[in-house]
Amino acid sequence: MQAERKSPAPLRRPGILRPGYTDPQSGYRYYSSAQLTEANLIRMLRSLELSLEDIRQFLRERDPARKEELLGEHRERIEQKMEEYKSIVSSIERLTEGKGETMEREIETKELADQPVLGVRFKTSMASIGEDIGKGYEAVFTYIGKSGAQPVGPPFAIYYDMELKKEDIDMEACVPVSSLMEGEGNVTGRSLPGGKVASTLHAGPYEEFGEAYQALMLWINENGYRPAGPCREVYLV
């Protein structure tokens, strides 16, 4: 007996589950009843945001212990994501209920001197920003260790895009050093211009960082200033 059904989007990539028959006129894919269990398994794995390659690896694996290990790795990622979502929901509730930190946050102005830095500039997305900025700092600190230099302050990131974006975010991972250095490869050395800045301290989950930016922008507008350069995030911890 054949169960006729059109394949959902997750099954359209060849190499995961091949249809028993494809209608040449409509392009519909048909799967036998014997394939439905595997089709449902693929759909559930995709709902957990596993990549196609991870799904292929899971389906090829015959060792039950290794299968459980693969699922465990993704379970940790999902649990971490759930904690992030909880933090975001808490931030939304505080803002909508008027309990946010916007009015309570301490903001001050500072005069920053020019600062020699080593940095890696790159473009990234919200989905991969953590991984990409980690690679940037790894490259910078590897070069620092090789050159015998020493950081003279905490690392920081420069965001060259003022608007909120999900893709193609232009940013730079920087480390302050004591004097101008040449750099190598994708690590470049330069003098970062100083100037007057509005600054605030954020202590808490990174997912709530938007509240700090909101408070800064409101303070800047209310006090007759305007942004004159890219934002910097200094990572004290």
Foldseek 3Di string as FASTA:
>chain_A
DWDFDFQDPLPPDPDQDAAPDADPPPRGGGHGPVCVVSSVVSVVVVVLVDDPVLSNVLVPDDDPVVNVVSVVVSVVVVVVVVVLVVVLVVLVVCVVVVNACLVVFDKDKDWDAWFKKKKFKDWFFPVCVVVVLVVTVVLVVVVCVVVVFDFPAFKKKWWQDPDDDGGGTIMMTITTTDDFDADDDRIGIDIHHTGMDMDTDDDDDPSNVVSVVVSRVVVCVVVVHDDDGTDMGGDPD
